[in-house]
Amino acid sequence: LFRSELGFHLIPAAWGRGLASEAARAVVEFAFTQLAVAALFAGHHPDNAASARVLHKLGFRRTHHEWCPPSGLLHPSYWLAPEDR
């Protein structure tokens, strides 16, 4: 078993169409059923409320804030284990 990270980036023209939710849901399912990962980590820019909603819908729990050097900000960070889905 291993841990992995989930991330998604979409161009603005694709925002609000449910693509991130659909893709992330498929990745979560594949990670747990086919790859047997022990847990998934995810984070998002603190101003990106839409990404926070996607992660909450998938069952991710916010666990801490993590420093992100490229943005110079603390980013909300989340954890998802198979039993949390």
N, C-alpha and C. Protein backbone atom coordinates (compact mmCIF):
# COMPACT_ATOMS: atom_id res chain seq x y z
N LEU A 1 0.84 -1.19 0.00
CA LEU A 1 0.00 0.00 0.00
C LEU A 1 0.87 1.25 0.00
N PHE A 2 0.45 2.27 -0.70
CA PHE A 2 1.18 3.51 -0.70
C PHE A 2 0.23 4.69 -0.71
N ARG A 3 0.77 5.85 -0.45
CA ARG A 3 -0.03 7.08 -0.45
C ARG A 3 0.27 7.85 -1.73
N SER A 4 -0.70 8.59 -2.19
CA SER A 4 -0.53 9.34 -3.42
C SER A 4 -1.23 10.69 -3.29
N GLU A 5 -1.07 11.51 -4.30
CA GLU A 5 -1.63 12.86 -4.28
C GLU A 5 -2.57 13.04 -5.45
N LEU A 6 -3.68 13.72 -5.21
CA LEU A 6 -4.66 14.05 -6.24
C LEU A 6 -4.55 15.53 -6.55
N GLY A 7 -4.53 15.86 -7.83
CA GLY A 7 -4.51 17.26 -8.23
C GLY A 7 -5.25 17.43 -9.54
N PHE A 8 -5.79 18.61 -9.74
CA PHE A 8 -6.45 18.91 -11.02
C PHE A 8 -6.29 20.39 -11.30
N HIS A 9 -6.07 20.69 -12.57
CA HIS A 9 -5.93 22.06 -13.05
C HIS A 9 -6.71 22.16 -14.36
N LEU A 10 -7.61 23.11 -14.43
CA LEU A 10 -8.41 23.29 -15.64
C LEU A 10 -8.27 24.73 -16.13
N ILE A 11 -8.34 24.91 -17.44
CA ILE A 11 -8.34 26.25 -17.98
C ILE A 11 -9.68 26.91 -17.64
N PRO A 12 -9.70 28.22 -17.48
CA PRO A 12 -10.94 28.91 -17.10
C PRO A 12 -12.15 28.57 -17.97
N ALA A 13 -11.95 28.33 -19.24
CA ALA A 13 -13.08 28.00 -20.11
C ALA A 13 -13.77 26.69 -19.71
N ALA A 14 -13.09 25.85 -18.94
CA ALA A 14 -13.66 24.56 -18.52
C ALA A 14 -14.26 24.62 -17.11
N TRP A 15 -14.12 25.74 -16.43
CA TRP A 15 -14.62 25.85 -15.06
C TRP A 15 -16.15 25.79 -15.04
N GLY A 16 -16.68 25.25 -13.94
CA GLY A 16 -18.12 25.25 -13.71
C GLY A 16 -18.90 24.22 -14.50
N ARG A 17 -18.23 23.28 -15.12
CA ARG A 17 -18.91 22.27 -15.93
C ARG A 17 -18.88 20.89 -15.29
N GLY A 18 -18.35 20.78 -14.08
CA GLY A 18 -18.31 19.49 -13.38
C GLY A 18 -17.18 18.58 -13.82
N LEU A 19 -16.28 19.08 -14.65
CA LEU A 19 -15.19 18.23 -15.16
C LEU A 19 -14.22 17.81 -14.06
N ALA A 20 -13.88 18.73 -13.18
CA ALA A 20 -12.95 18.39 -12.09
C ALA A 20 -13.56 17.33 -11.18
N SER A 21 -14.84 17.49 -10.85
CA SER A 21 -15.51 16.50 -9.99
C SER A 21 -15.54 15.13 -10.65
N GLU A 22 -15.90 15.10 -11.93
CA GLU A 22 -15.99 13.82 -12.64
C GLU A 22 -14.63 13.14 -12.74
N ALA A 23 -13.62 13.90 -13.12
CA ALA A 23 -12.29 13.32 -13.26
C ALA A 23 -11.72 12.89 -11.92
N ALA A 24 -11.88 13.73 -10.91
CA ALA A 24 -11.34 13.40 -9.58
C ALA A 24 -12.03 12.18 -9.00
N ARG A 25 -13.34 12.07 -9.20
CA ARG A 25 -14.08 10.90 -8.71
C ARG A 25 -13.53 9.62 -9.34
N ALA A 26 -13.26 9.66 -10.64
CA ALA A 26 -12.71 8.48 -11.34
C ALA A 26 -11.31 8.15 -10.83
N VAL A 27 -10.50 9.17 -10.59
CA VAL A 27 -9.14 8.94 -10.08
C VAL A 27 -9.18 8.33 -8.68
N VAL A 28 -10.05 8.86 -7.82
CA VAL A 28 -10.18 8.33 -6.46
C VAL A 28 -10.58 6.86 -6.52
N GLU A 29 -11.57 6.54 -7.33
CA GLU A 29 -12.02 5.15 -7.44
C GLU A 29 -10.89 4.25 -7.93
N PHE A 30 -10.19 4.68 -8.97
CA PHE A 30 -9.09 3.90 -9.52
C PHE A 30 -7.96 3.73 -8.50
N ALA A 31 -7.63 4.82 -7.80
CA ALA A 31 -6.54 4.76 -6.81
C ALA A 31 -6.81 3.75 -5.72
N PHE A 32 -8.04 3.71 -5.25
CA PHE A 32 -8.36 2.79 -4.15
C PHE A 32 -8.65 1.37 -4.60
N THR A 33 -9.29 1.20 -5.75
CA THR A 33 -9.66 -0.16 -6.17
C THR A 33 -8.58 -0.85 -6.99
N GLN A 34 -7.87 -0.12 -7.83
CA GLN A 34 -6.89 -0.75 -8.71
C GLN A 34 -5.45 -0.61 -8.22
N LEU A 35 -5.13 0.52 -7.61
CA LEU A 35 -3.76 0.76 -7.16
C LEU A 35 -3.55 0.44 -5.68
N ALA A 36 -4.63 0.26 -4.95
CA ALA A 36 -4.58 -0.05 -3.51
C ALA A 36 -3.80 0.98 -2.72
N VAL A 37 -3.98 2.27 -3.05
CA VAL A 37 -3.32 3.29 -2.24
C VAL A 37 -3.95 3.32 -0.85
N ALA A 38 -3.14 3.64 0.13
CA ALA A 38 -3.62 3.70 1.51
C ALA A 38 -4.41 4.96 1.77
N ALA A 39 -4.06 6.05 1.08
CA ALA A 39 -4.75 7.33 1.28
C ALA A 39 -4.34 8.28 0.16
N LEU A 40 -5.14 9.31 -0.02
CA LEU A 40 -4.83 10.36 -0.99
C LEU A 40 -4.71 11.69 -0.27
N PHE A 41 -3.77 12.51 -0.72
CA PHE A 41 -3.57 13.86 -0.22
C PHE A 41 -4.00 14.82 -1.32
N ALA A 42 -4.58 15.95 -0.94
CA ALA A 42 -4.92 16.99 -1.90
C ALA A 42 -4.85 18.34 -1.20
N GLY A 43 -4.65 19.36 -1.98
CA GLY A 43 -4.65 20.72 -1.46
C GLY A 43 -5.13 21.65 -2.55
N HIS A 44 -5.38 22.91 -2.18
CA HIS A 44 -5.81 23.88 -3.18
C HIS A 44 -5.39 25.27 -2.73
N HIS A 45 -5.36 26.19 -3.69
CA HIS A 45 -5.06 27.58 -3.39
C HIS A 45 -6.14 28.08 -2.42
N PRO A 46 -5.77 28.86 -1.43
CA PRO A 46 -6.75 29.29 -0.43
C PRO A 46 -7.92 30.10 -0.99
N ASP A 47 -7.75 30.71 -2.15
CA ASP A 47 -8.84 31.49 -2.75
C ASP A 47 -9.73 30.68 -3.68
N ASN A 48 -9.45 29.40 -3.84
CA ASN A 48 -10.19 28.58 -4.79
C ASN A 48 -11.28 27.78 -4.09
N ALA A 49 -12.41 28.42 -3.88
CA ALA A 49 -13.53 27.79 -3.18
C ALA A 49 -14.11 26.62 -3.98
N ALA A 50 -14.06 26.69 -5.31
CA ALA A 50 -14.61 25.61 -6.13
C ALA A 50 -13.83 24.31 -5.91
N SER A 51 -12.51 24.40 -5.82
CA SER A 51 -11.72 23.19 -5.57
C SER A 51 -12.02 22.63 -4.19
N ALA A 52 -12.22 23.49 -3.22
CA ALA A 52 -12.59 23.03 -1.87
C ALA A 52 -13.90 22.25 -1.93
N ARG A 53 -14.88 22.75 -2.69
CA ARG A 53 -16.17 22.05 -2.81
C ARG A 53 -15.99 20.68 -3.47
N VAL A 54 -15.16 20.60 -4.50
CA VAL A 54 -14.91 19.30 -5.15
C VAL A 54 -14.35 18.31 -4.14
N LEU A 55 -13.35 18.73 -3.39
CA LEU A 55 -12.72 17.82 -2.43
C LEU A 55 -13.71 17.39 -1.34
N HIS A 56 -14.53 18.32 -0.86
CA HIS A 56 -15.52 17.97 0.16
C HIS A 56 -16.54 16.97 -0.40
N LYS A 57 -16.99 17.18 -1.64
CA LYS A 57 -17.94 16.25 -2.25
C LYS A 57 -17.38 14.84 -2.36
N LEU A 58 -16.07 14.75 -2.54
CA LEU A 58 -15.43 13.44 -2.68
C LEU A 58 -15.14 12.77 -1.34
N GLY A 59 -15.36 13.51 -0.25
CA GLY A 59 -15.14 12.94 1.08
C GLY A 59 -13.82 13.30 1.73
N PHE A 60 -13.01 14.14 1.08
CA PHE A 60 -11.75 14.56 1.69
C PHE A 60 -12.02 15.35 2.96
N ARG A 61 -11.16 15.16 3.96
CA ARG A 61 -11.24 15.89 5.23
C ARG A 61 -10.09 16.89 5.28
N ARG A 62 -10.39 18.15 5.62
CA ARG A 62 -9.30 19.12 5.78
C ARG A 62 -8.55 18.78 7.05
N THR A 63 -7.23 18.65 6.93
CA THR A 63 -6.42 18.22 8.06
C THR A 63 -5.45 19.28 8.56
N HIS A 64 -5.01 20.17 7.67
CA HIS A 64 -4.02 21.16 8.07
C HIS A 64 -3.83 22.17 6.94
N HIS A 65 -2.97 23.14 7.17
CA HIS A 65 -2.55 24.07 6.13
C HIS A 65 -1.08 23.80 5.85
N GLU A 66 -0.73 23.87 4.58
CA GLU A 66 0.65 23.56 4.19
C GLU A 66 1.22 24.74 3.40
N TRP A 67 2.45 25.12 3.76
CA TRP A 67 3.12 26.22 3.09
C TRP A 67 3.43 25.83 1.65
N CYS A 68 3.10 26.71 0.72
CA CYS A 68 3.36 26.46 -0.70
C CYS A 68 4.29 27.57 -1.20
N PRO A 69 5.57 27.28 -1.38
CA PRO A 69 6.52 28.31 -1.80
C PRO A 69 6.14 29.07 -3.08
N PRO A 70 5.61 28.42 -4.13
CA PRO A 70 5.29 29.19 -5.33
C PRO A 70 4.26 30.30 -5.11
N SER A 71 3.27 30.05 -4.25
CA SER A 71 2.25 31.08 -3.99
C SER A 71 2.61 31.96 -2.80
N GLY A 72 3.51 31.45 -1.93
CA GLY A 72 3.85 32.18 -0.72
C GLY A 72 2.73 32.19 0.30
N LEU A 73 1.84 31.19 0.22
CA LEU A 73 0.67 31.14 1.09
C LEU A 73 0.55 29.77 1.76
N LEU A 74 -0.22 29.75 2.84
CA LEU A 74 -0.61 28.48 3.45
C LEU A 74 -1.83 27.96 2.70
N HIS A 75 -1.73 26.75 2.19
CA HIS A 75 -2.82 26.17 1.42
C HIS A 75 -3.58 25.15 2.27
N PRO A 76 -4.92 25.17 2.23
CA PRO A 76 -5.69 24.13 2.91
C PRO A 76 -5.30 22.77 2.34
N SER A 77 -5.12 21.79 3.22
CA SER A 77 -4.68 20.47 2.82
C SER A 77 -5.66 19.42 3.35
N TYR A 78 -5.84 18.37 2.56
CA TYR A 78 -6.90 17.39 2.81
C TYR A 78 -6.35 15.98 2.72
N TRP A 79 -7.10 15.06 3.30
CA TRP A 79 -6.73 13.65 3.36
C TRP A 79 -7.99 12.82 3.08
N LEU A 80 -7.81 11.75 2.32
CA LEU A 80 -8.91 10.82 2.06
C LEU A 80 -8.37 9.40 2.16
N ALA A 81 -8.98 8.61 3.02
CA ALA A 81 -8.68 7.20 3.14
C ALA A 81 -9.87 6.42 2.59
N PRO A 82 -9.66 5.18 2.18
CA PRO A 82 -10.77 4.41 1.58
C PRO A 82 -12.02 4.39 2.46
N GLU A 83 -11.85 4.29 3.75
CA GLU A 83 -13.02 4.21 4.63
C GLU A 83 -13.75 5.54 4.79
N ASP A 84 -13.16 6.63 4.31
CA ASP A 84 -13.79 7.96 4.40
C ASP A 84 -14.72 8.26 3.24
N ARG A 85 -14.72 7.40 2.23
CA ARG A 85 -15.53 7.67 1.03
C ARG A 85 -16.98 7.40 1.27
